[in-house]
Amino acid sequence: MAKAAAAGGAGIEDARARGFFGRIFLFLRQVLAELKKVVTPTGRELVNYVIIVLIFVAFMLLLISGLDFLFGKGAFWLFGNGQSMTGQ
């Protein structure tokens, strides 16, 4: 536990000891190390992801369209269609 705390503290001191460009290069090295861990999906996985996204988008489109229709009907019911009720 003390080693972990010491390592954490040393990391902060090490970052302070580095200059501005040293910190930038450290960041870039860490970014590249993380990018090496990225796994590209197979063709089958990619097709599955696309289908799932399209189904979700279609569902959201239907949901929002339905709610818009219901709220529009409710507004017309509540406020009328904008015509005056006086005897015209």
Foldseek 3Di string as FASTA:
>chain_A
DVVVVVVVVVVVVVCVVDDPVRVVVVVVVVVVVVVVVDDDDDPVVVVVVVVVVVVVVVVVVVVVVVVVVVVVVVCCVVPNDPDDPPDD
